[in-house]
PDB file of N, CA and C in Angstrom:
ATOM      1  N   MET A   1     -67.765 -21.738 -35.541  1.00  0.00           N
ATOM      2  CA  MET A   1     -68.881 -22.653 -35.502  1.00  0.00           C
ATOM      3  C   MET A   1     -68.368 -24.007 -35.016  1.00  0.00           C
ATOM      4  N   PRO A   2     -69.068 -24.631 -34.089  1.00  0.00           N
ATOM      5  CA  PRO A   2     -68.597 -25.913 -33.555  1.00  0.00           C
ATOM      6  C   PRO A   2     -68.773 -27.041 -34.562  1.00  0.00           C
ATOM      7  N   ASP A   3     -67.914 -28.021 -34.471  1.00  0.00           N
ATOM      8  CA  ASP A   3     -68.008 -29.212 -35.324  1.00  0.00           C
ATOM      9  C   ASP A   3     -69.114 -30.096 -34.765  1.00  0.00           C
ATOM     10  N   LEU A   4     -70.151 -30.356 -35.547  1.00  0.00           N
ATOM     11  CA  LEU A   4     -71.298 -31.135 -35.087  1.00  0.00           C
ATOM     12  C   LEU A   4     -71.116 -32.635 -35.292  1.00  0.00           C
ATOM     13  N   ASP A   5     -70.041 -33.022 -35.938  1.00  0.00           N
ATOM     14  CA  ASP A   5     -69.729 -34.428 -36.158  1.00  0.00           C
ATOM     15  C   ASP A   5     -70.905 -35.175 -36.792  1.00  0.00           C
ATOM     16  N   VAL A   6     -71.429 -34.624 -37.896  1.00  0.00           N
ATOM     17  CA  VAL A   6     -72.536 -35.235 -38.626  1.00  0.00           C
ATOM     18  C   VAL A   6     -71.961 -35.945 -39.848  1.00  0.00           C
ATOM     19  N   ALA A   7     -72.323 -37.190 -39.995  1.00  0.00           N
ATOM     20  CA  ALA A   7     -71.796 -37.981 -41.115  1.00  0.00           C
ATOM     21  C   ALA A   7     -72.322 -37.454 -42.448  1.00  0.00           C
ATOM     22  N   ASP A   8     -71.482 -37.524 -43.465  1.00  0.00           N
ATOM     23  CA  ASP A   8     -71.883 -37.138 -44.820  1.00  0.00           C
ATOM     24  C   ASP A   8     -72.794 -38.217 -45.380  1.00  0.00           C
ATOM     25  N   ARG A   9     -74.050 -37.880 -45.666  1.00  0.00           N
ATOM     26  CA  ARG A   9     -75.037 -38.846 -46.149  1.00  0.00           C
ATOM     27  C   ARG A   9     -75.331 -38.678 -47.641  1.00  0.00           C
ATOM     28  N   ALA A  10     -74.603 -37.839 -48.332  1.00  0.00           N
ATOM     29  CA  ALA A  10     -74.889 -37.546 -49.735  1.00  0.00           C
ATOM     30  C   ALA A  10     -74.886 -38.809 -50.595  1.00  0.00           C
ATOM     31  N   SER A  11     -73.957 -39.706 -50.368  1.00  0.00           N
ATOM     32  CA  SER A  11     -73.883 -40.907 -51.212  1.00  0.00           C
ATOM     33  C   SER A  11     -75.111 -41.798 -51.035  1.00  0.00           C
ATOM     34  N   VAL A  12     -75.728 -41.784 -49.876  1.00  0.00           N
ATOM     35  CA  VAL A  12     -76.917 -42.595 -49.624  1.00  0.00           C
ATOM     36  C   VAL A  12     -78.175 -41.873 -50.105  1.00  0.00           C
ATOM     37  N   GLN A  13     -78.228 -40.580 -49.923  1.00  0.00           N
ATOM     38  CA  GLN A  13     -79.416 -39.807 -50.278  1.00  0.00           C
ATOM     39  C   GLN A  13     -79.548 -39.595 -51.775  1.00  0.00           C
ATOM     40  N   ARG A  14     -78.484 -39.715 -52.515  1.00  0.00           N
ATOM     41  CA  ARG A  14     -78.515 -39.441 -53.950  1.00  0.00           C
ATOM     42  C   ARG A  14     -78.473 -40.699 -54.807  1.00  0.00           C
ATOM     43  N   VAL A  15     -78.901 -41.796 -54.235  1.00  0.00           N
ATOM     44  CA  VAL A  15     -78.955 -43.048 -54.981  1.00  0.00           C
ATOM     45  C   VAL A  15     -80.162 -42.992 -55.911  1.00  0.00           C
ATOM     46  N   ALA A  16     -79.974 -43.396 -57.152  1.00  0.00           N
ATOM     47  CA  ALA A  16     -81.062 -43.358 -58.134  1.00  0.00           C
ATOM     48  C   ALA A  16     -82.196 -44.289 -57.729  1.00  0.00           C
ATOM     49  N   THR A  17     -83.406 -43.824 -57.947  1.00  0.00           N
ATOM     50  CA  THR A  17     -84.576 -44.667 -57.737  1.00  0.00           C
ATOM     51  C   THR A  17     -84.741 -45.547 -58.957  1.00  0.00           C
ATOM     52  N   VAL A  18     -84.855 -46.832 -58.747  1.00  0.00           N
ATOM     53  CA  VAL A  18     -85.021 -47.765 -59.851  1.00  0.00           C
ATOM     54  C   VAL A  18     -86.224 -48.659 -59.565  1.00  0.00           C
ATOM     55  N   GLY A  19     -86.822 -49.171 -60.629  1.00  0.00           N
ATOM     56  CA  GLY A  19     -87.925 -50.090 -60.422  1.00  0.00           C
ATOM     57  C   GLY A  19     -88.791 -50.255 -61.645  1.00  0.00           C
ATOM     58  N   PRO A  20     -89.596 -51.330 -61.658  1.00  0.00           N
ATOM     59  CA  PRO A  20     -90.442 -51.642 -62.800  1.00  0.00           C
ATOM     60  C   PRO A  20     -91.871 -51.109 -62.686  1.00  0.00           C
ATOM     61  N   VAL A  21     -92.201 -50.418 -61.612  1.00  0.00           N
ATOM     62  CA  VAL A  21     -93.564 -49.920 -61.409  1.00  0.00           C
ATOM     63  C   VAL A  21     -93.799 -48.730 -62.343  1.00  0.00           C
ATOM     64  N   PRO A  22     -94.944 -48.657 -63.020  1.00  0.00           N
ATOM     65  CA  PRO A  22     -95.227 -47.496 -63.873  1.00  0.00           C
ATOM     66  C   PRO A  22     -95.157 -46.198 -63.060  1.00  0.00           C
ATOM     67  N   ALA A  23     -94.517 -45.206 -63.632  1.00  0.00           N
ATOM     68  CA  ALA A  23     -94.363 -43.916 -62.958  1.00  0.00           C
ATOM     69  C   ALA A  23     -94.633 -42.801 -63.965  1.00  0.00           C
ATOM     70  N   LEU A  24     -95.266 -41.750 -63.484  1.00  0.00           N
ATOM     71  CA  LEU A  24     -95.543 -40.577 -64.325  1.00  0.00           C
ATOM     72  C   LEU A  24     -94.731 -39.412 -63.792  1.00  0.00           C
ATOM     73  N   LEU A  25     -93.968 -38.777 -64.674  1.00  0.00           N
ATOM     74  CA  LEU A  25     -93.165 -37.611 -64.322  1.00  0.00           C
ATOM     75  C   LEU A  25     -93.665 -36.443 -65.163  1.00  0.00           C
ATOM     76  N   VAL A  26     -94.335 -35.507 -64.513  1.00  0.00           N
ATOM     77  CA  VAL A  26     -94.874 -34.343 -65.207  1.00  0.00           C
ATOM     78  C   VAL A  26     -94.116 -33.128 -64.699  1.00  0.00           C
ATOM     79  N   SER A  27     -93.546 -32.368 -65.609  1.00  0.00           N
ATOM     80  CA  SER A  27     -92.785 -31.195 -65.196  1.00  0.00           C
ATOM     81  C   SER A  27     -93.109 -30.011 -66.086  1.00  0.00           C
ATOM     82  N   GLY A  28     -92.979 -28.834 -65.498  1.00  0.00           N
ATOM     83  CA  GLY A  28     -93.170 -27.596 -66.233  1.00  0.00           C
ATOM     84  C   GLY A  28     -91.825 -27.042 -66.665  1.00  0.00           C
ATOM     85  N   THR A  29     -91.772 -26.493 -67.850  1.00  0.00           N
ATOM     86  CA  THR A  29     -90.492 -25.986 -68.357  1.00  0.00           C
ATOM     87  C   THR A  29     -90.029 -24.731 -67.623  1.00  0.00           C
ATOM     88  N   PHE A  30     -90.933 -24.063 -66.892  1.00  0.00           N
ATOM     89  CA  PHE A  30     -90.550 -22.876 -66.121  1.00  0.00           C
ATOM     90  C   PHE A  30     -90.393 -23.191 -64.635  1.00  0.00           C
ATOM     91  N   ASP A  31     -90.233 -24.448 -64.288  1.00  0.00           N
ATOM     92  CA  ASP A  31     -90.104 -24.857 -62.886  1.00  0.00           C
ATOM     93  C   ASP A  31     -88.699 -24.542 -62.388  1.00  0.00           C
ATOM     94  N   VAL A  32     -88.600 -23.619 -61.430  1.00  0.00           N
ATOM     95  CA  VAL A  32     -87.292 -23.264 -60.886  1.00  0.00           C
ATOM     96  C   VAL A  32     -86.960 -24.066 -59.628  1.00  0.00           C
ATOM     97  N   LYS A  33     -87.934 -24.810 -59.105  1.00  0.00           N
ATOM     98  CA  LYS A  33     -87.693 -25.627 -57.904  1.00  0.00           C
ATOM     99  C   LYS A  33     -87.114 -26.985 -58.273  1.00  0.00           C
ATOM    100  N   THR A  34     -87.765 -27.681 -59.157  1.00  0.00           N
ATOM    101  CA  THR A  34     -87.283 -28.980 -59.635  1.00  0.00           C
ATOM    102  C   THR A  34     -87.320 -28.922 -61.155  1.00  0.00           C
ATOM    103  N   GLY A  35     -86.251 -28.518 -61.736  1.00  0.00           N
ATOM    104  CA  GLY A  35     -86.189 -28.291 -63.175  1.00  0.00           C
ATOM    105  C   GLY A  35     -86.649 -29.468 -64.011  1.00  0.00           C
ATOM    106  N   ALA A  36     -87.152 -29.169 -65.193  1.00  0.00           N
ATOM    107  CA  ALA A  36     -87.667 -30.199 -66.096  1.00  0.00           C
ATOM    108  C   ALA A  36     -86.609 -31.247 -66.427  1.00  0.00           C
ATOM    109  N   SER A  37     -85.356 -30.879 -66.412  1.00  0.00           N
ATOM    110  CA  SER A  37     -84.298 -31.844 -66.726  1.00  0.00           C
ATOM    111  C   SER A  37     -84.191 -32.922 -65.645  1.00  0.00           C
ATOM    112  N   TRP A  38     -84.615 -32.627 -64.434  1.00  0.00           N
ATOM    113  CA  TRP A  38     -84.552 -33.625 -63.362  1.00  0.00           C
ATOM    114  C   TRP A  38     -85.441 -34.819 -63.702  1.00  0.00           C
ATOM    115  N   ALA A  39     -86.610 -34.560 -64.270  1.00  0.00           N
ATOM    116  CA  ALA A  39     -87.533 -35.644 -64.623  1.00  0.00           C
ATOM    117  C   ALA A  39     -86.885 -36.570 -65.649  1.00  0.00           C
ATOM    118  N   LYS A  40     -86.167 -36.005 -66.594  1.00  0.00           N
ATOM    119  CA  LYS A  40     -85.482 -36.839 -67.590  1.00  0.00           C
ATOM    120  C   LYS A  40     -84.454 -37.742 -66.927  1.00  0.00           C
ATOM    121  N   ASP A  41     -83.735 -37.202 -65.952  1.00  0.00           N
ATOM    122  CA  ASP A  41     -82.732 -37.993 -65.236  1.00  0.00           C
ATOM    123  C   ASP A  41     -83.393 -39.134 -64.467  1.00  0.00           C
ATOM    124  N   VAL A  42     -84.494 -38.849 -63.795  1.00  0.00           N
ATOM    125  CA  VAL A  42     -85.208 -39.876 -63.029  1.00  0.00           C
ATOM    126  C   VAL A  42     -85.783 -40.929 -63.972  1.00  0.00           C
ATOM    127  N   ALA A  43     -86.364 -40.486 -65.082  1.00  0.00           N
ATOM    128  CA  ALA A  43     -86.996 -41.413 -66.033  1.00  0.00           C
ATOM    129  C   ALA A  43     -86.009 -42.430 -66.589  1.00  0.00           C
ATOM    130  N   ARG A  44     -84.766 -42.053 -66.687  1.00  0.00           N
ATOM    131  CA  ARG A  44     -83.738 -42.962 -67.225  1.00  0.00           C
ATOM    132  C   ARG A  44     -83.634 -44.252 -66.411  1.00  0.00           C
ATOM    133  N   ASP A  45     -83.852 -44.154 -65.102  1.00  0.00           N
ATOM    134  CA  ASP A  45     -83.684 -45.314 -64.221  1.00  0.00           C
ATOM    135  C   ASP A  45     -84.996 -46.035 -63.909  1.00  0.00           C
ATOM    136  N   LEU A  46     -86.117 -45.504 -64.359  1.00  0.00           N
ATOM    137  CA  LEU A  46     -87.409 -46.144 -64.137  1.00  0.00           C
ATOM    138  C   LEU A  46     -87.866 -46.739 -65.464  1.00  0.00           C
ATOM    139  N   SER A  47     -87.796 -48.045 -65.569  1.00  0.00           N
ATOM    140  CA  SER A  47     -87.992 -48.711 -66.853  1.00  0.00           C
ATOM    141  C   SER A  47     -89.389 -48.537 -67.441  1.00  0.00           C
ATOM    142  N   ARG A  48     -90.392 -48.246 -66.626  1.00  0.00           N
ATOM    143  CA  ARG A  48     -91.755 -48.107 -67.137  1.00  0.00           C
ATOM    144  C   ARG A  48     -92.296 -46.705 -66.856  1.00  0.00           C
ATOM    145  N   SER A  49     -91.448 -45.712 -66.993  1.00  0.00           N
ATOM    146  CA  SER A  49     -91.869 -44.345 -66.704  1.00  0.00           C
ATOM    147  C   SER A  49     -92.318 -43.624 -67.968  1.00  0.00           C
ATOM    148  N   THR A  50     -93.161 -42.630 -67.757  1.00  0.00           N
ATOM    149  CA  THR A  50     -93.584 -41.719 -68.814  1.00  0.00           C
ATOM    150  C   THR A  50     -93.258 -40.321 -68.328  1.00  0.00           C
ATOM    151  N   ALA A  51     -92.461 -39.585 -69.096  1.00  0.00           N
ATOM    152  CA  ALA A  51     -92.097 -38.214 -68.733  1.00  0.00           C
ATOM    153  C   ALA A  51     -92.768 -37.252 -69.704  1.00  0.00           C
ATOM    154  N   VAL A  52     -93.409 -36.233 -69.146  1.00  0.00           N
ATOM    155  CA  VAL A  52     -94.110 -35.231 -69.947  1.00  0.00           C
ATOM    156  C   VAL A  52     -93.672 -33.849 -69.479  1.00  0.00           C
ATOM    157  N   GLN A  53     -93.299 -33.001 -70.431  1.00  0.00           N
ATOM    158  CA  GLN A  53     -92.975 -31.615 -70.120  1.00  0.00           C
ATOM    159  C   GLN A  53     -94.084 -30.722 -70.648  1.00  0.00           C
ATOM    160  N   VAL A  54     -94.542 -29.825 -69.779  1.00  0.00           N
ATOM    161  CA  VAL A  54     -95.578 -28.874 -70.165  1.00  0.00           C
ATOM    162  C   VAL A  54     -94.913 -27.500 -70.276  1.00  0.00           C
ATOM    163  N   PRO A  55     -94.865 -26.933 -71.474  1.00  0.00           N
ATOM    164  CA  PRO A  55     -94.179 -25.655 -71.659  1.00  0.00           C
ATOM    165  C   PRO A  55     -94.923 -24.490 -71.002  1.00  0.00           C
ATOM    166  N   GLY A  56     -94.135 -23.582 -70.454  1.00  0.00           N
ATOM    167  CA  GLY A  56     -94.694 -22.346 -69.921  1.00  0.00           C
ATOM    168  C   GLY A  56     -95.340 -22.460 -68.562  1.00  0.00           C
ATOM    169  N   ILE A  57     -95.135 -23.571 -67.862  1.00  0.00           N
ATOM    170  CA  ILE A  57     -95.728 -23.775 -66.539  1.00  0.00           C
ATOM    171  C   ILE A  57     -94.600 -23.925 -65.529  1.00  0.00           C
ATOM    172  N   GLY A  58     -94.833 -23.429 -64.315  1.00  0.00           N
ATOM    173  CA  GLY A  58     -93.846 -23.543 -63.251  1.00  0.00           C
ATOM    174  C   GLY A  58     -94.010 -24.831 -62.463  1.00  0.00           C
ATOM    175  N   HIS A  59     -93.797 -24.751 -61.166  1.00  0.00           N
ATOM    176  CA  HIS A  59     -93.766 -25.930 -60.306  1.00  0.00           C
ATOM    177  C   HIS A  59     -95.132 -26.596 -60.127  1.00  0.00           C
ATOM    178  N   TRP A  60     -96.210 -25.847 -60.150  1.00  0.00           N
ATOM    179  CA  TRP A  60     -97.560 -26.389 -59.915  1.00  0.00           C
ATOM    180  C   TRP A  60     -98.193 -26.797 -61.233  1.00  0.00           C
ATOM    181  N   VAL A  61     -97.627 -27.788 -61.881  1.00  0.00           N
ATOM    182  CA  VAL A  61     -98.014 -28.173 -63.233  1.00  0.00           C
ATOM    183  C   VAL A  61     -99.461 -28.656 -63.315  1.00  0.00           C
ATOM    184  N   VAL A  62     -99.827 -29.630 -62.526  1.00  0.00           N
ATOM    185  CA  VAL A  62    -101.163 -30.223 -62.648  1.00  0.00           C
ATOM    186  C   VAL A  62    -102.277 -29.214 -62.330  1.00  0.00           C
ATOM    187  N   PRO A  63    -102.184 -28.427 -61.267  1.00  0.00           N
ATOM    188  CA  PRO A  63    -103.267 -27.463 -61.025  1.00  0.00           C
ATOM    189  C   PRO A  63    -103.386 -26.381 -62.100  1.00  0.00           C
ATOM    190  N   GLN A  64    -102.286 -26.080 -62.787  1.00  0.00           N
ATOM    191  CA  GLN A  64    -102.296 -24.972 -63.743  1.00  0.00           C
ATOM    192  C   GLN A  64    -102.508 -25.399 -65.187  1.00  0.00           C
ATOM    193  N   SER A  65    -102.387 -26.663 -65.493  1.00  0.00           N
ATOM    194  CA  SER A  65    -102.438 -27.106 -66.886  1.00  0.00           C
ATOM    195  C   SER A  65    -103.545 -28.132 -67.118  1.00  0.00           C
ATOM    196  N   PRO A  66    -104.551 -27.786 -67.909  1.00  0.00           N
ATOM    197  CA  PRO A  66    -105.569 -28.781 -68.259  1.00  0.00           C
ATOM    198  C   PRO A  66    -104.962 -30.008 -68.957  1.00  0.00           C
ATOM    199  N   CYS A  67    -103.924 -29.804 -69.744  1.00  0.00           N
ATOM    200  CA  CYS A  67    -103.258 -30.940 -70.399  1.00  0.00           C
ATOM    201  C   CYS A  67    -102.643 -31.860 -69.351  1.00  0.00           C
ATOM    202  N   ALA A  68    -101.937 -31.308 -68.380  1.00  0.00           N
ATOM    203  CA  ALA A  68    -101.335 -32.135 -67.327  1.00  0.00           C
ATOM    204  C   ALA A  68    -102.413 -32.882 -66.549  1.00  0.00           C
ATOM    205  N   GLN A  69    -103.546 -32.262 -66.353  1.00  0.00           N
ATOM    206  CA  GLN A  69    -104.658 -32.918 -65.660  1.00  0.00           C
ATOM    207  C   GLN A  69    -105.163 -34.116 -66.468  1.00  0.00           C
ATOM    208  N   ARG A  70    -105.253 -33.947 -67.787  1.00  0.00           N
ATOM    209  CA  ARG A  70    -105.689 -35.063 -68.648  1.00  0.00           C
ATOM    210  C   ARG A  70    -104.669 -36.196 -68.646  1.00  0.00           C
ATOM    211  N   VAL A  71    -103.397 -35.827 -68.688  1.00  0.00           N
ATOM    212  CA  VAL A  71    -102.339 -36.846 -68.666  1.00  0.00           C
ATOM    213  C   VAL A  71    -102.397 -37.621 -67.350  1.00  0.00           C
ATOM    214  N   LEU A  72    -102.552 -36.926 -66.239  1.00  0.00           N
ATOM    215  CA  LEU A  72    -102.628 -37.595 -64.938  1.00  0.00           C
ATOM    216  C   LEU A  72    -103.836 -38.530 -64.865  1.00  0.00           C
ATOM    217  N   ALA A  73    -104.997 -38.052 -65.298  1.00  0.00           N
ATOM    218  CA  ALA A  73    -106.195 -38.904 -65.292  1.00  0.00           C
ATOM    219  C   ALA A  73    -105.993 -40.137 -66.171  1.00  0.00           C
ATOM    220  N   SER A  74    -105.354 -39.943 -67.305  1.00  0.00           N
ATOM    221  CA  SER A  74    -105.085 -41.056 -68.212  1.00  0.00           C
ATOM    222  C   SER A  74    -104.123 -42.056 -67.567  1.00  0.00           C
ATOM    223  N   PHE A  75    -103.107 -41.550 -66.872  1.00  0.00           N
ATOM    224  CA  PHE A  75    -102.154 -42.424 -66.182  1.00  0.00           C
ATOM    225  C   PHE A  75    -102.845 -43.241 -65.096  1.00  0.00           C
ATOM    226  N   LEU A  76    -103.736 -42.598 -64.347  1.00  0.00           N
ATOM    227  CA  LEU A  76    -104.444 -43.317 -63.288  1.00  0.00           C
ATOM    228  C   LEU A  76    -105.357 -44.397 -63.857  1.00  0.00           C
ATOM    229  N   ALA A  77    -105.902 -44.154 -65.047  1.00  0.00           N
ATOM    230  CA  ALA A  77    -106.772 -45.142 -65.693  1.00  0.00           C
ATOM    231  C   ALA A  77    -105.964 -46.264 -66.350  1.00  0.00           C
ATOM    232  N   ARG A  78    -104.807 -45.900 -66.927  1.00  0.00           N
ATOM    233  CA  ARG A  78    -103.969 -46.876 -67.651  1.00  0.00           C
ATOM    234  C   ARG A  78    -102.497 -46.569 -67.379  1.00  0.00           C
ATOM    235  N   PRO A  79    -101.979 -46.983 -66.234  1.00  0.00           N
ATOM    236  CA  PRO A  79    -100.599 -46.628 -65.866  1.00  0.00           C
ATOM    237  C   PRO A  79     -99.539 -47.055 -66.882  1.00  0.00           C
ATOM    238  N   ALA A  80     -99.777 -48.144 -67.570  1.00  0.00           N
ATOM    239  CA  ALA A  80     -98.770 -48.639 -68.510  1.00  0.00           C
ATOM    240  C   ALA A  80     -98.788 -47.895 -69.842  1.00  0.00           C
ATOM    241  N   ALA A  81     -99.880 -47.161 -70.124  1.00  0.00           N
ATOM    242  CA  ALA A  81     -99.988 -46.479 -71.424  1.00  0.00           C
ATOM    243  C   ALA A  81    -100.821 -45.205 -71.313  1.00  0.00           C
ATOM    244  N   PRO A  82    -100.327 -44.212 -70.576  1.00  0.00           N
ATOM    245  CA  PRO A  82    -101.100 -42.967 -70.473  1.00  0.00           C
ATOM    246  C   PRO A  82    -101.131 -42.210 -71.802  1.00  0.00           C
ATOM    247  N   ASP A  83    -102.186 -41.450 -72.001  1.00  0.00           N
ATOM    248  CA  ASP A  83    -102.334 -40.639 -73.211  1.00  0.00           C
ATOM    249  C   ASP A  83    -101.677 -39.287 -72.969  1.00  0.00           C
ATOM    250  N   THR A  84    -100.586 -39.040 -73.663  1.00  0.00           N
ATOM    251  CA  THR A  84     -99.842 -37.785 -73.512  1.00  0.00           C
ATOM    252  C   THR A  84     -99.956 -36.892 -74.747  1.00  0.00           C
ATOM    253  N   ALA A  85    -100.880 -37.211 -75.638  1.00  0.00           N
ATOM    254  CA  ALA A  85    -100.982 -36.512 -76.923  1.00  0.00           C
ATOM    255  C   ALA A  85    -101.203 -35.015 -76.771  1.00  0.00           C
ATOM    256  N   CYS A  86    -101.897 -34.594 -75.715  1.00  0.00           N
ATOM    257  CA  CYS A  86    -102.175 -33.156 -75.572  1.00  0.00           C
ATOM    258  C   CYS A  86    -100.898 -32.336 -75.393  1.00  0.00           C
ATOM    259  N   ALA A  87     -99.816 -32.968 -74.945  1.00  0.00           N
ATOM    260  CA  ALA A  87     -98.556 -32.246 -74.736  1.00  0.00           C
ATOM    261  C   ALA A  87     -97.764 -32.067 -76.029  1.00  0.00           C
ATOM    262  N   ASP A  88     -98.082 -32.859 -77.046  1.00  0.00           N
ATOM    263  CA  ASP A  88     -97.370 -32.755 -78.322  1.00  0.00           C
ATOM    264  C   ASP A  88     -97.681 -31.406 -78.972  1.00  0.00           C
ATOM    265  N   GLY A  89     -96.662 -30.649 -79.240  1.00  0.00           N
ATOM    266  CA  GLY A  89     -96.840 -29.363 -79.910  1.00  0.00           C
ATOM    267  C   GLY A  89     -97.431 -28.274 -79.038  1.00  0.00           C
ATOM    268  N   LEU A  90     -97.563 -28.526 -77.734  1.00  0.00           N
ATOM    269  CA  LEU A  90     -98.105 -27.516 -76.823  1.00  0.00           C
ATOM    270  C   LEU A  90     -97.134 -26.348 -76.742  1.00  0.00           C
ATOM    271  N   GLU A  91     -97.646 -25.145 -76.866  1.00  0.00           N
ATOM    272  CA  GLU A  91     -96.823 -23.932 -76.811  1.00  0.00           C
ATOM    273  C   GLU A  91     -97.179 -23.128 -75.571  1.00  0.00           C
ATOM    274  N   PRO A  92     -96.195 -22.465 -74.953  1.00  0.00           N
ATOM    275  CA  PRO A  92     -96.531 -21.621 -73.801  1.00  0.00           C
ATOM    276  C   PRO A  92     -97.355 -20.416 -74.239  1.00  0.00           C
ATOM    277  N   GLN A  93     -98.199 -19.959 -73.329  1.00  0.00           N
ATOM    278  CA  GLN A  93     -98.963 -18.746 -73.600  1.00  0.00           C
ATOM    279  C   GLN A  93     -97.988 -17.569 -73.682  1.00  0.00           C
ATOM    280  N   PRO A  94     -98.285 -16.581 -74.531  1.00  0.00           N
ATOM    281  CA  PRO A  94     -97.396 -15.416 -74.611  1.00  0.00           C
ATOM    282  C   PRO A  94     -97.384 -14.650 -73.291  1.00  0.00           C
ATOM    283  N   PHE A  95     -96.235 -14.144 -72.958  1.00  0.00           N
ATOM    284  CA  PHE A  95     -96.091 -13.347 -71.744  1.00  0.00           C
ATOM    285  C   PHE A  95     -96.533 -11.921 -72.051  1.00  0.00           C
ATOM    286  N   THR A  96     -97.498 -11.437 -71.325  1.00  0.00           N
ATOM    287  CA  THR A  96     -97.985 -10.079 -71.556  1.00  0.00           C
ATOM    288  C   THR A  96     -98.136  -9.358 -70.234  1.00  0.00           C
ATOM    289  N   ILE A  97     -98.041  -8.058 -70.303  1.00  0.00           N
ATOM    290  CA  ILE A  97     -98.293  -7.194 -69.155  1.00  0.00           C
ATOM    291  C   ILE A  97     -99.426  -6.269 -69.525  1.00  0.00           C
ATOM    292  N   VAL A  98    -100.450  -6.283 -68.694  1.00  0.00           N
ATOM    293  CA  VAL A  98    -101.607  -5.437 -68.971  1.00  0.00           C
ATOM    294  C   VAL A  98    -101.464  -4.168 -68.121  1.00  0.00           C
ATOM    295  N   PRO A  99    -101.382  -3.006 -68.771  1.00  0.00           N
ATOM    296  CA  PRO A  99    -101.256  -1.773 -67.994  1.00  0.00           C
ATOM    297  C   PRO A  99    -102.531  -1.494 -67.201  1.00  0.00           C
ATOM    298  N   LYS A 100    -102.371  -0.915 -66.038  1.00  0.00           N
ATOM    299  CA  LYS A 100    -103.536  -0.572 -65.201  1.00  0.00           C
ATOM    300  C   LYS A 100    -103.964   0.839 -65.431  1.00  0.00           C
TER     301      LYS A 100
END
């Protein structure tokens, strides 16, 4: 394979995002694309962030979770103090297989 002489940009691309703007981080505990732990890492550097984990949901958290939808609507109405109460004690639905 030929040497393409492309500069290593990892140090620039992996710089933490920081800032005082309110941010909402909603993640599903079954997300295999961007794991729920990533949101915790990002939230550490955003001083006014709110991180919410929705159990039993994959990558498409907001479309699949009525709780995530409520949290998002609450964030849009009050970015500095979204209502995340619906996520407290939320349990994933049991995994079942229905025979045909």
